[in-house]
PDB file of N, CA and C in Angstrom:
ATOM      1  N   GLN A   1     184.349 109.333 -70.560  1.00  0.00           N
ATOM      2  CA  GLN A   1     185.207 108.294 -70.073  1.00  0.00           C
ATOM      3  C   GLN A   1     186.434 108.584 -70.766  1.00  0.00           C
ATOM      4  N   LEU A   2     187.468 109.550 -69.944  1.00  0.00           N
ATOM      5  CA  LEU A   2     189.061 109.410 -70.434  1.00  0.00           C
ATOM      6  C   LEU A   2     190.456 108.250 -69.678  1.00  0.00           C
ATOM      7  N   VAL A   3     190.748 107.854 -70.674  1.00  0.00           N
ATOM      8  CA  VAL A   3     192.051 107.334 -70.509  1.00  0.00           C
ATOM      9  C   VAL A   3     193.214 107.905 -70.707  1.00  0.00           C
ATOM     10  N   GLU A   4     194.149 107.754 -69.316  1.00  0.00           N
ATOM     11  CA  GLU A   4     195.572 108.165 -70.302  1.00  0.00           C
ATOM     12  C   GLU A   4     196.613 106.956 -70.254  1.00  0.00           C
ATOM     13  N   SER A   5     197.667 107.138 -70.970  1.00  0.00           N
ATOM     14  CA  SER A   5     198.851 106.238 -70.512  1.00  0.00           C
ATOM     15  C   SER A   5     199.812 107.071 -71.738  1.00  0.00           C
ATOM     16  N   GLY A   6     201.266 106.849 -70.725  1.00  0.00           N
ATOM     17  CA  GLY A   6     202.058 106.633 -71.541  1.00  0.00           C
ATOM     18  C   GLY A   6     203.208 107.315 -70.214  1.00  0.00           C
ATOM     19  N   GLY A   7     202.530 107.459 -68.787  1.00  0.00           N
ATOM     20  CA  GLY A   7     203.302 107.893 -68.093  1.00  0.00           C
ATOM     21  C   GLY A   7     204.415 106.764 -67.342  1.00  0.00           C
ATOM     22  N   LYS A   8     205.290 107.663 -67.034  1.00  0.00           N
ATOM     23  CA  LYS A   8     206.412 106.200 -66.485  1.00  0.00           C
ATOM     24  C   LYS A   8     207.457 107.072 -66.161  1.00  0.00           C
ATOM     25  N   LEU A   9     208.959 106.010 -65.507  1.00  0.00           N
ATOM     26  CA  LEU A   9     209.955 106.925 -64.172  1.00  0.00           C
ATOM     27  C   LEU A   9     210.691 107.042 -66.150  1.00  0.00           C
ATOM     28  N   MET A  10     211.388 108.790 -65.354  1.00  0.00           N
ATOM     29  CA  MET A  10     212.329 109.032 -67.172  1.00  0.00           C
ATOM     30  C   MET A  10     213.357 109.649 -66.709  1.00  0.00           C
ATOM     31  N   GLN A  11     214.113 109.591 -67.153  1.00  0.00           N
ATOM     32  CA  GLN A  11     216.027 111.102 -66.540  1.00  0.00           C
ATOM     33  C   GLN A  11     215.639 111.888 -66.728  1.00  0.00           C
ATOM     34  N   ALA A  12     216.105 112.490 -66.405  1.00  0.00           N
ATOM     35  CA  ALA A  12     216.108 113.979 -66.578  1.00  0.00           C
ATOM     36  C   ALA A  12     216.688 114.194 -68.098  1.00  0.00           C
ATOM     37  N   GLY A  13     216.081 115.579 -68.959  1.00  0.00           N
ATOM     38  CA  GLY A  13     216.335 115.594 -70.502  1.00  0.00           C
ATOM     39  C   GLY A  13     215.231 114.319 -71.496  1.00  0.00           C
ATOM     40  N   GLY A  14     215.223 113.608 -70.909  1.00  0.00           N
ATOM     41  CA  GLY A  14     214.619 112.568 -71.943  1.00  0.00           C
ATOM     42  C   GLY A  14     212.766 113.809 -72.797  1.00  0.00           C
ATOM     43  N   SER A  15     212.468 112.559 -73.077  1.00  0.00           N
ATOM     44  CA  SER A  15     210.812 112.641 -73.864  1.00  0.00           C
ATOM     45  C   SER A  15     210.131 111.974 -73.573  1.00  0.00           C
ATOM     46  N   LEU A  16     208.906 112.392 -73.512  1.00  0.00           N
ATOM     47  CA  LEU A  16     208.131 111.102 -73.408  1.00  0.00           C
ATOM     48  C   LEU A  16     207.103 111.654 -73.849  1.00  0.00           C
ATOM     49  N   ARG A  17     206.183 111.284 -74.310  1.00  0.00           N
ATOM     50  CA  ARG A  17     204.248 111.296 -74.810  1.00  0.00           C
ATOM     51  C   ARG A  17     203.308 110.820 -73.920  1.00  0.00           C
ATOM     52  N   LEU A  18     202.270 111.415 -73.282  1.00  0.00           N
ATOM     53  CA  LEU A  18     201.230 110.795 -72.426  1.00  0.00           C
ATOM     54  C   LEU A  18     200.473 111.249 -74.321  1.00  0.00           C
ATOM     55  N   SER A  19     198.969 110.289 -73.852  1.00  0.00           N
ATOM     56  CA  SER A  19     197.905 109.946 -74.392  1.00  0.00           C
ATOM     57  C   SER A  19     196.735 110.030 -73.980  1.00  0.00           C
ATOM     58  N   CYS A  20     195.292 110.500 -73.971  1.00  0.00           N
ATOM     59  CA  CYS A  20     194.449 110.234 -73.306  1.00  0.00           C
ATOM     60  C   CYS A  20     192.742 110.359 -74.652  1.00  0.00           C
ATOM     61  N   ALA A  21     192.804 108.653 -74.482  1.00  0.00           N
ATOM     62  CA  ALA A  21     191.672 108.622 -75.585  1.00  0.00           C
ATOM     63  C   ALA A  21     190.395 109.089 -74.771  1.00  0.00           C
ATOM     64  N   VAL A  22     189.528 109.651 -75.623  1.00  0.00           N
ATOM     65  CA  VAL A  22     188.025 109.828 -74.852  1.00  0.00           C
ATOM     66  C   VAL A  22     187.111 109.300 -75.216  1.00  0.00           C
ATOM     67  N   SER A  23     186.196 109.062 -75.064  1.00  0.00           N
ATOM     68  CA  SER A  23     184.680 108.258 -75.269  1.00  0.00           C
ATOM     69  C   SER A  23     183.877 109.372 -75.634  1.00  0.00           C
ATOM     70  N   GLY A  24     183.117 109.536 -76.735  1.00  0.00           N
ATOM     71  CA  GLY A  24     181.957 110.116 -76.368  1.00  0.00           C
ATOM     72  C   GLY A  24     181.951 110.700 -78.835  1.00  0.00           C
ATOM     73  N   ARG A  25     180.934 111.146 -78.664  1.00  0.00           N
ATOM     74  CA  ARG A  25     180.609 111.162 -79.525  1.00  0.00           C
ATOM     75  C   ARG A  25     180.910 113.166 -80.037  1.00  0.00           C
ATOM     76  N   THR A  26     180.320 113.985 -79.311  1.00  0.00           N
ATOM     77  CA  THR A  26     180.683 115.553 -78.838  1.00  0.00           C
ATOM     78  C   THR A  26     182.292 116.136 -78.605  1.00  0.00           C
ATOM     79  N   TYR A  27     182.996 114.631 -79.109  1.00  0.00           N
ATOM     80  CA  TYR A  27     184.861 114.999 -78.124  1.00  0.00           C
ATOM     81  C   TYR A  27     184.965 116.347 -79.310  1.00  0.00           C
ATOM     82  N   SER A  28     184.838 116.442 -80.931  1.00  0.00           N
ATOM     83  CA  SER A  28     185.340 117.554 -80.799  1.00  0.00           C
ATOM     84  C   SER A  28     185.084 119.135 -80.928  1.00  0.00           C
ATOM     85  N   ARG A  29     183.913 118.717 -80.205  1.00  0.00           N
ATOM     86  CA  ARG A  29     183.856 120.302 -79.703  1.00  0.00           C
ATOM     87  C   ARG A  29     183.837 120.402 -78.133  1.00  0.00           C
ATOM     88  N   TYR A  30     185.039 119.756 -77.065  1.00  0.00           N
ATOM     89  CA  TYR A  30     185.470 119.710 -76.024  1.00  0.00           C
ATOM     90  C   TYR A  30     186.898 120.500 -76.356  1.00  0.00           C
ATOM     91  N   VAL A  31     187.102 121.583 -75.381  1.00  0.00           N
ATOM     92  CA  VAL A  31     188.369 121.994 -75.031  1.00  0.00           C
ATOM     93  C   VAL A  31     188.872 120.920 -74.296  1.00  0.00           C
ATOM     94  N   MET A  32     190.059 120.649 -74.534  1.00  0.00           N
ATOM     95  CA  MET A  32     190.480 119.519 -73.903  1.00  0.00           C
ATOM     96  C   MET A  32     192.216 119.817 -73.432  1.00  0.00           C
ATOM     97  N   GLY A  33     192.390 119.563 -72.103  1.00  0.00           N
ATOM     98  CA  GLY A  33     193.464 119.747 -71.344  1.00  0.00           C
ATOM     99  C   GLY A  33     194.382 118.955 -70.535  1.00  0.00           C
ATOM    100  N   TRP A  34     195.460 119.307 -69.885  1.00  0.00           N
ATOM    101  CA  TRP A  34     196.535 118.482 -69.396  1.00  0.00           C
ATOM    102  C   TRP A  34     196.325 119.289 -68.055  1.00  0.00           C
ATOM    103  N   PHE A  35     196.204 118.506 -67.627  1.00  0.00           N
ATOM    104  CA  PHE A  35     196.882 118.689 -65.350  1.00  0.00           C
ATOM    105  C   PHE A  35     197.831 118.040 -64.113  1.00  0.00           C
ATOM    106  N   HIS A  36     198.655 118.971 -64.333  1.00  0.00           N
ATOM    107  CA  HIS A  36     199.431 118.204 -62.905  1.00  0.00           C
ATOM    108  C   HIS A  36     199.150 118.255 -61.495  1.00  0.00           C
ATOM    109  N   GLN A  37     199.364 116.826 -60.987  1.00  0.00           N
ATOM    110  CA  GLN A  37     199.326 117.342 -59.506  1.00  0.00           C
ATOM    111  C   GLN A  37     200.510 116.822 -58.299  1.00  0.00           C
ATOM    112  N   ALA A  38     201.010 117.514 -58.251  1.00  0.00           N
ATOM    113  CA  ALA A  38     202.551 117.370 -57.692  1.00  0.00           C
ATOM    114  C   ALA A  38     202.579 116.881 -55.840  1.00  0.00           C
ATOM    115  N   PRO A  39     203.121 115.992 -55.424  1.00  0.00           N
ATOM    116  CA  PRO A  39     202.830 115.824 -53.750  1.00  0.00           C
ATOM    117  C   PRO A  39     202.419 116.785 -53.076  1.00  0.00           C
ATOM    118  N   GLY A  40     201.776 116.898 -52.683  1.00  0.00           N
ATOM    119  CA  GLY A  40     201.516 118.360 -51.465  1.00  0.00           C
ATOM    120  C   GLY A  40     201.144 119.805 -52.172  1.00  0.00           C
ATOM    121  N   LYS A  41     200.962 119.735 -53.703  1.00  0.00           N
ATOM    122  CA  LYS A  41     200.937 120.478 -54.131  1.00  0.00           C
ATOM    123  C   LYS A  41     199.360 120.503 -55.218  1.00  0.00           C
ATOM    124  N   GLU A  42     198.398 122.013 -55.522  1.00  0.00           N
ATOM    125  CA  GLU A  42     197.401 121.872 -56.386  1.00  0.00           C
ATOM    126  C   GLU A  42     197.339 121.536 -57.470  1.00  0.00           C
ATOM    127  N   ARG A  43     196.473 121.125 -57.999  1.00  0.00           N
ATOM    128  CA  ARG A  43     196.050 120.357 -59.134  1.00  0.00           C
ATOM    129  C   ARG A  43     196.466 121.634 -60.471  1.00  0.00           C
ATOM    130  N   GLU A  44     197.038 121.914 -61.197  1.00  0.00           N
ATOM    131  CA  GLU A  44     197.477 122.641 -61.946  1.00  0.00           C
ATOM    132  C   GLU A  44     197.680 122.472 -63.780  1.00  0.00           C
ATOM    133  N   LEU A  45     196.949 123.225 -64.544  1.00  0.00           N
ATOM    134  CA  LEU A  45     196.675 123.363 -65.810  1.00  0.00           C
ATOM    135  C   LEU A  45     198.364 123.587 -66.582  1.00  0.00           C
ATOM    136  N   VAL A  46     198.666 122.369 -67.028  1.00  0.00           N
ATOM    137  CA  VAL A  46     199.841 122.265 -68.041  1.00  0.00           C
ATOM    138  C   VAL A  46     199.519 123.070 -69.465  1.00  0.00           C
ATOM    139  N   ALA A  47     198.404 122.581 -69.975  1.00  0.00           N
ATOM    140  CA  ALA A  47     198.420 123.017 -71.565  1.00  0.00           C
ATOM    141  C   ALA A  47     196.502 122.763 -71.696  1.00  0.00           C
ATOM    142  N   ASP A  48     195.857 123.604 -72.855  1.00  0.00           N
ATOM    143  CA  ASP A  48     195.091 123.183 -73.144  1.00  0.00           C
ATOM    144  C   ASP A  48     194.554 123.677 -74.731  1.00  0.00           C
ATOM    145  N   ILE A  49     193.863 123.386 -75.528  1.00  0.00           N
ATOM    146  CA  ILE A  49     193.255 122.818 -76.553  1.00  0.00           C
ATOM    147  C   ILE A  49     192.178 123.047 -76.615  1.00  0.00           C
ATOM    148  N   THR A  50     191.287 124.297 -77.595  1.00  0.00           N
ATOM    149  CA  THR A  50     190.363 124.459 -77.874  1.00  0.00           C
ATOM    150  C   THR A  50     189.748 123.457 -79.460  1.00  0.00           C
ATOM    151  N   ARG A  51     189.332 123.333 -79.145  1.00  0.00           N
ATOM    152  CA  ARG A  51     188.228 122.806 -80.864  1.00  0.00           C
ATOM    153  C   ARG A  51     188.761 123.171 -82.152  1.00  0.00           C
ATOM    154  N   GLY A  52     189.101 124.390 -82.369  1.00  0.00           N
ATOM    155  CA  GLY A  52     189.730 125.120 -83.354  1.00  0.00           C
ATOM    156  C   GLY A  52     191.159 125.515 -82.846  1.00  0.00           C
ATOM    157  N   GLY A  53     191.876 124.980 -82.353  1.00  0.00           N
ATOM    158  CA  GLY A  53     193.753 124.367 -82.393  1.00  0.00           C
ATOM    159  C   GLY A  53     193.927 125.898 -81.124  1.00  0.00           C
ATOM    160  N   THR A  54     193.287 126.467 -80.517  1.00  0.00           N
ATOM    161  CA  THR A  54     193.300 127.389 -79.816  1.00  0.00           C
ATOM    162  C   THR A  54     194.480 126.613 -78.449  1.00  0.00           C
ATOM    163  N   ILE A  55     195.644 127.315 -79.321  1.00  0.00           N
ATOM    164  CA  ILE A  55     196.527 126.435 -77.715  1.00  0.00           C
ATOM    165  C   ILE A  55     197.460 127.583 -76.661  1.00  0.00           C
ATOM    166  N   TYR A  56     196.993 126.840 -75.597  1.00  0.00           N
ATOM    167  CA  TYR A  56     197.548 127.990 -73.967  1.00  0.00           C
ATOM    168  C   TYR A  56     198.747 126.470 -73.287  1.00  0.00           C
ATOM    169  N   TYR A  57     199.739 127.270 -73.166  1.00  0.00           N
ATOM    170  CA  TYR A  57     200.947 126.185 -72.380  1.00  0.00           C
ATOM    171  C   TYR A  57     200.947 127.275 -70.879  1.00  0.00           C
ATOM    172  N   VAL A  58     200.904 126.471 -69.676  1.00  0.00           N
ATOM    173  CA  VAL A  58     201.615 127.357 -68.462  1.00  0.00           C
ATOM    174  C   VAL A  58     203.356 127.647 -68.493  1.00  0.00           C
ATOM    175  N   ASP A  59     203.957 128.568 -68.155  1.00  0.00           N
ATOM    176  CA  ASP A  59     204.909 129.549 -68.585  1.00  0.00           C
ATOM    177  C   ASP A  59     206.405 128.590 -68.413  1.00  0.00           C
ATOM    178  N   SER A  60     205.984 127.367 -67.549  1.00  0.00           N
ATOM    179  CA  SER A  60     207.318 126.346 -66.979  1.00  0.00           C
ATOM    180  C   SER A  60     207.486 125.344 -68.034  1.00  0.00           C
ATOM    181  N   VAL A  61     206.468 125.420 -68.598  1.00  0.00           N
ATOM    182  CA  VAL A  61     206.540 124.148 -70.007  1.00  0.00           C
ATOM    183  C   VAL A  61     206.542 124.797 -71.294  1.00  0.00           C
ATOM    184  N   LYS A  62     206.334 125.846 -71.702  1.00  0.00           N
ATOM    185  CA  LYS A  62     206.673 126.523 -72.525  1.00  0.00           C
ATOM    186  C   LYS A  62     208.323 126.424 -73.318  1.00  0.00           C
ATOM    187  N   GLY A  63     207.722 126.508 -74.764  1.00  0.00           N
ATOM    188  CA  GLY A  63     209.377 125.647 -74.902  1.00  0.00           C
ATOM    189  C   GLY A  63     209.407 124.127 -75.004  1.00  0.00           C
ATOM    190  N   ARG A  64     208.639 123.294 -74.004  1.00  0.00           N
ATOM    191  CA  ARG A  64     209.565 121.985 -74.292  1.00  0.00           C
ATOM    192  C   ARG A  64     208.495 120.680 -74.522  1.00  0.00           C
ATOM    193  N   PHE A  65     206.897 121.920 -73.856  1.00  0.00           N
ATOM    194  CA  PHE A  65     205.725 120.405 -74.129  1.00  0.00           C
ATOM    195  C   PHE A  65     204.912 121.293 -75.135  1.00  0.00           C
ATOM    196  N   THR A  66     204.026 120.028 -75.349  1.00  0.00           N
ATOM    197  CA  THR A  66     203.730 119.970 -77.264  1.00  0.00           C
ATOM    198  C   THR A  66     201.871 119.636 -76.647  1.00  0.00           C
ATOM    199  N   ILE A  67     200.596 120.825 -76.841  1.00  0.00           N
ATOM    200  CA  ILE A  67     199.519 119.521 -77.020  1.00  0.00           C
ATOM    201  C   ILE A  67     199.210 119.432 -78.186  1.00  0.00           C
ATOM    202  N   SER A  68     198.289 118.730 -78.740  1.00  0.00           N
ATOM    203  CA  SER A  68     198.132 118.091 -79.782  1.00  0.00           C
ATOM    204  C   SER A  68     196.120 117.054 -79.432  1.00  0.00           C
ATOM    205  N   ARG A  69     196.074 117.311 -81.022  1.00  0.00           N
ATOM    206  CA  ARG A  69     194.501 116.206 -80.440  1.00  0.00           C
ATOM    207  C   ARG A  69     194.506 116.021 -82.137  1.00  0.00           C
ATOM    208  N   ASP A  70     193.857 115.063 -82.021  1.00  0.00           N
ATOM    209  CA  ASP A  70     193.631 114.348 -83.409  1.00  0.00           C
ATOM    210  C   ASP A  70     191.370 113.636 -83.522  1.00  0.00           C
ATOM    211  N   ASN A  71     190.829 114.240 -83.976  1.00  0.00           N
ATOM    212  CA  ASN A  71     189.640 114.374 -83.282  1.00  0.00           C
ATOM    213  C   ASN A  71     189.203 112.810 -84.141  1.00  0.00           C
ATOM    214  N   ALA A  72     189.852 112.487 -85.538  1.00  0.00           N
ATOM    215  CA  ALA A  72     189.671 110.915 -85.964  1.00  0.00           C
ATOM    216  C   ALA A  72     189.653 110.346 -85.012  1.00  0.00           C
ATOM    217  N   LYS A  73     190.693 110.330 -83.617  1.00  0.00           N
ATOM    218  CA  LYS A  73     191.044 109.806 -83.300  1.00  0.00           C
ATOM    219  C   LYS A  73     190.356 109.944 -81.963  1.00  0.00           C
ATOM    220  N   ASN A  74     190.017 110.838 -81.752  1.00  0.00           N
ATOM    221  CA  ASN A  74     188.863 111.058 -80.402  1.00  0.00           C
ATOM    222  C   ASN A  74     190.560 111.081 -79.288  1.00  0.00           C
ATOM    223  N   THR A  75     191.057 111.509 -79.552  1.00  0.00           N
ATOM    224  CA  THR A  75     192.872 111.453 -79.016  1.00  0.00           C
ATOM    225  C   THR A  75     193.204 112.606 -78.030  1.00  0.00           C
ATOM    226  N   VAL A  76     193.400 112.903 -77.282  1.00  0.00           N
ATOM    227  CA  VAL A  76     194.725 114.447 -77.410  1.00  0.00           C
ATOM    228  C   VAL A  76     196.389 113.683 -77.097  1.00  0.00           C
ATOM    229  N   TYR A  77     196.961 114.186 -77.436  1.00  0.00           N
ATOM    230  CA  TYR A  77     198.647 114.620 -76.559  1.00  0.00           C
ATOM    231  C   TYR A  77     199.196 115.509 -76.268  1.00  0.00           C
ATOM    232  N   LEU A  78     200.214 115.128 -74.728  1.00  0.00           N
ATOM    233  CA  LEU A  78     200.960 115.947 -74.279  1.00  0.00           C
ATOM    234  C   LEU A  78     202.352 115.134 -74.826  1.00  0.00           C
ATOM    235  N   GLN A  79     202.706 115.836 -75.830  1.00  0.00           N
ATOM    236  CA  GLN A  79     205.117 115.536 -75.980  1.00  0.00           C
ATOM    237  C   GLN A  79     205.499 116.376 -74.742  1.00  0.00           C
ATOM    238  N   MET A  80     206.590 116.093 -74.286  1.00  0.00           N
ATOM    239  CA  MET A  80     206.992 116.259 -73.555  1.00  0.00           C
ATOM    240  C   MET A  80     208.309 115.871 -73.466  1.00  0.00           C
ATOM    241  N   ASN A  81     209.651 117.200 -73.898  1.00  0.00           N
ATOM    242  CA  ASN A  81     210.441 117.241 -74.066  1.00  0.00           C
ATOM    243  C   ASN A  81     211.256 117.624 -73.050  1.00  0.00           C
ATOM    244  N   SER A  82     212.671 117.442 -73.270  1.00  0.00           N
ATOM    245  CA  SER A  82     213.468 118.143 -71.897  1.00  0.00           C
ATOM    246  C   SER A  82     213.133 118.153 -70.518  1.00  0.00           C
ATOM    247  N   LEU A  83     212.324 116.692 -70.553  1.00  0.00           N
ATOM    248  CA  LEU A  83     212.158 117.032 -68.718  1.00  0.00           C
ATOM    249  C   LEU A  83     212.975 117.310 -67.527  1.00  0.00           C
ATOM    250  N   LYS A  84     212.502 117.217 -66.949  1.00  0.00           N
ATOM    251  CA  LYS A  84     213.017 118.592 -65.253  1.00  0.00           C
ATOM    252  C   LYS A  84     212.634 117.069 -64.308  1.00  0.00           C
ATOM    253  N   PRO A  85     213.169 117.275 -62.680  1.00  0.00           N
ATOM    254  CA  PRO A  85     212.433 116.422 -61.983  1.00  0.00           C
ATOM    255  C   PRO A  85     211.414 117.413 -61.779  1.00  0.00           C
ATOM    256  N   GLU A  86     211.286 118.940 -62.149  1.00  0.00           N
ATOM    257  CA  GLU A  86     210.253 119.438 -61.802  1.00  0.00           C
ATOM    258  C   GLU A  86     209.034 119.396 -62.026  1.00  0.00           C
ATOM    259  N   ASP A  87     209.231 118.208 -63.138  1.00  0.00           N
ATOM    260  CA  ASP A  87     207.763 117.896 -63.842  1.00  0.00           C
ATOM    261  C   ASP A  87     207.540 116.006 -63.225  1.00  0.00           C
ATOM    262  N   THR A  88     207.575 116.075 -62.244  1.00  0.00           N
ATOM    263  CA  THR A  88     207.545 115.201 -61.362  1.00  0.00           C
ATOM    264  C   THR A  88     206.039 114.890 -61.501  1.00  0.00           C
ATOM    265  N   ALA A  89     205.171 114.405 -61.597  1.00  0.00           N
ATOM    266  CA  ALA A  89     203.397 114.647 -60.985  1.00  0.00           C
ATOM    267  C   ALA A  89     202.649 113.715 -61.401  1.00  0.00           C
ATOM    268  N   VAL A  90     201.439 113.746 -60.880  1.00  0.00           N
ATOM    269  CA  VAL A  90     200.911 112.487 -62.070  1.00  0.00           C
ATOM    270  C   VAL A  90     199.433 113.953 -62.545  1.00  0.00           C
ATOM    271  N   TYR A  91     200.218 113.209 -64.032  1.00  0.00           N
ATOM    272  CA  TYR A  91     199.205 113.725 -65.154  1.00  0.00           C
ATOM    273  C   TYR A  91     197.617 113.552 -65.663  1.00  0.00           C
ATOM    274  N   TYR A  92     196.629 114.609 -65.524  1.00  0.00           N
ATOM    275  CA  TYR A  92     195.269 113.985 -65.109  1.00  0.00           C
ATOM    276  C   TYR A  92     194.780 115.107 -67.096  1.00  0.00           C
ATOM    277  N   CYS A  93     194.681 113.906 -67.603  1.00  0.00           N
ATOM    278  CA  CYS A  93     193.241 114.754 -69.134  1.00  0.00           C
ATOM    279  C   CYS A  93     192.445 115.355 -68.555  1.00  0.00           C
ATOM    280  N   ASN A  94     191.511 116.488 -68.796  1.00  0.00           N
ATOM    281  CA  ASN A  94     190.537 117.463 -68.803  1.00  0.00           C
ATOM    282  C   ASN A  94     189.861 116.874 -70.300  1.00  0.00           C
ATOM    283  N   ALA A  95     188.622 117.184 -69.806  1.00  0.00           N
ATOM    284  CA  ALA A  95     187.694 118.324 -71.281  1.00  0.00           C
ATOM    285  C   ALA A  95     186.730 118.943 -70.558  1.00  0.00           C
ATOM    286  N   LEU A  96     186.356 119.968 -70.771  1.00  0.00           N
ATOM    287  CA  LEU A  96     185.519 120.724 -71.023  1.00  0.00           C
ATOM    288  C   LEU A  96     184.186 121.138 -71.551  1.00  0.00           C
ATOM    289  N   PHE A  97     182.616 120.924 -71.755  1.00  0.00           N
ATOM    290  CA  PHE A  97     182.248 121.060 -71.778  1.00  0.00           C
ATOM    291  C   PHE A  97     180.633 121.923 -71.318  1.00  0.00           C
ATOM    292  N   LEU A  98     181.006 122.701 -72.126  1.00  0.00           N
ATOM    293  CA  LEU A  98     178.753 123.052 -71.885  1.00  0.00           C
ATOM    294  C   LEU A  98     178.941 123.474 -69.871  1.00  0.00           C
ATOM    295  N   GLY A  99     180.356 123.724 -69.550  1.00  0.00           N
ATOM    296  CA  GLY A  99     180.820 123.424 -68.424  1.00  0.00           C
ATOM    297  C   GLY A  99     181.253 122.848 -67.781  1.00  0.00           C
ATOM    298  N   GLN A 100     180.949 121.621 -67.710  1.00  0.00           N
ATOM    299  CA  GLN A 100     181.437 120.442 -67.489  1.00  0.00           C
ATOM    300  C   GLN A 100     182.542 119.478 -67.844  1.00  0.00           C
ATOM    301  N   ASN A 101     183.601 119.301 -66.387  1.00  0.00           N
ATOM    302  CA  ASN A 101     185.062 119.897 -65.959  1.00  0.00           C
ATOM    303  C   ASN A 101     184.742 117.440 -66.093  1.00  0.00           C
ATOM    304  N   TYR A 102     185.500 117.205 -67.036  1.00  0.00           N
ATOM    305  CA  TYR A 102     185.415 115.655 -67.526  1.00  0.00           C
ATOM    306  C   TYR A 102     186.893 115.560 -66.871  1.00  0.00           C
ATOM    307  N   TRP A 103     187.692 113.990 -65.776  1.00  0.00           N
ATOM    308  CA  TRP A 103     188.704 114.267 -65.528  1.00  0.00           C
ATOM    309  C   TRP A 103     189.004 112.293 -65.922  1.00  0.00           C
ATOM    310  N   GLY A 104     190.456 111.927 -66.455  1.00  0.00           N
ATOM    311  CA  GLY A 104     190.724 111.218 -66.576  1.00  0.00           C
ATOM    312  C   GLY A 104     191.029 109.844 -64.971  1.00  0.00           C
ATOM    313  N   GLN A 105     191.898 109.574 -64.851  1.00  0.00           N
ATOM    314  CA  GLN A 105     192.408 108.537 -63.692  1.00  0.00           C
ATOM    315  C   GLN A 105     193.828 108.986 -63.271  1.00  0.00           C
ATOM    316  N   GLY A 106     194.743 109.332 -64.048  1.00  0.00           N
ATOM    317  CA  GLY A 106     195.713 109.969 -64.057  1.00  0.00           C
ATOM    318  C   GLY A 106     196.728 108.945 -64.474  1.00  0.00           C
ATOM    319  N   THR A 107     198.256 109.320 -64.625  1.00  0.00           N
ATOM    320  CA  THR A 107     198.913 108.641 -64.994  1.00  0.00           C
ATOM    321  C   THR A 107     199.835 109.192 -64.270  1.00  0.00           C
ATOM    322  N   GLN A 108     201.142 108.217 -63.751  1.00  0.00           N
ATOM    323  CA  GLN A 108     202.395 109.127 -62.898  1.00  0.00           C
ATOM    324  C   GLN A 108     203.466 109.700 -64.156  1.00  0.00           C
ATOM    325  N   VAL A 109     203.936 110.293 -63.912  1.00  0.00           N
ATOM    326  CA  VAL A 109     204.926 110.839 -64.856  1.00  0.00           C
ATOM    327  C   VAL A 109     206.069 111.059 -63.638  1.00  0.00           C
ATOM    328  N   THR A 110     207.366 110.284 -63.402  1.00  0.00           N
ATOM    329  CA  THR A 110     208.450 110.952 -62.594  1.00  0.00           C
ATOM    330  C   THR A 110     209.890 111.029 -63.403  1.00  0.00           C
ATOM    331  N   VAL A 111     210.493 112.031 -62.967  1.00  0.00           N
ATOM    332  CA  VAL A 111     211.482 112.049 -63.583  1.00  0.00           C
ATOM    333  C   VAL A 111     212.272 112.468 -62.547  1.00  0.00           C
ATOM    334  N   SER A 112     213.654 111.787 -62.720  1.00  0.00           N
ATOM    335  CA  SER A 112     214.805 111.468 -61.934  1.00  0.00           C
ATOM    336  C   SER A 112     216.111 112.282 -62.194  1.00  0.00           C
ATOM    337  N   SER A 113     216.604 113.151 -61.859  1.00  0.00           N
ATOM    338  CA  SER A 113     217.721 113.977 -61.927  1.00  0.00           C
ATOM    339  C   SER A 113     219.232 112.844 -62.182  1.00  0.00           C
TER     340      SER A 113
END
């Protein structure tokens, strides 16, 4: 089970941290990621982090967002800085393990200009 939190209404230029708490004994073996989905658009990978700490960011968030994980707390974070109106979306936490994808329920991030 994945439970996201932290989404809210923000002003452009602000910072926000999303959290995703993961249940499961094998959390440390998951590839953890954050996706977002804006209205009328497909769900898109924003960032992910492997169990070894290899990180990927989509170009649009490089230098602004930071993904991290705390294996002791079974939690993955997305630190979002310099927010832009185009970051407005529902953000979903994802766990990938042995070819299976697991999703959270999503948390809304809205950035006003």
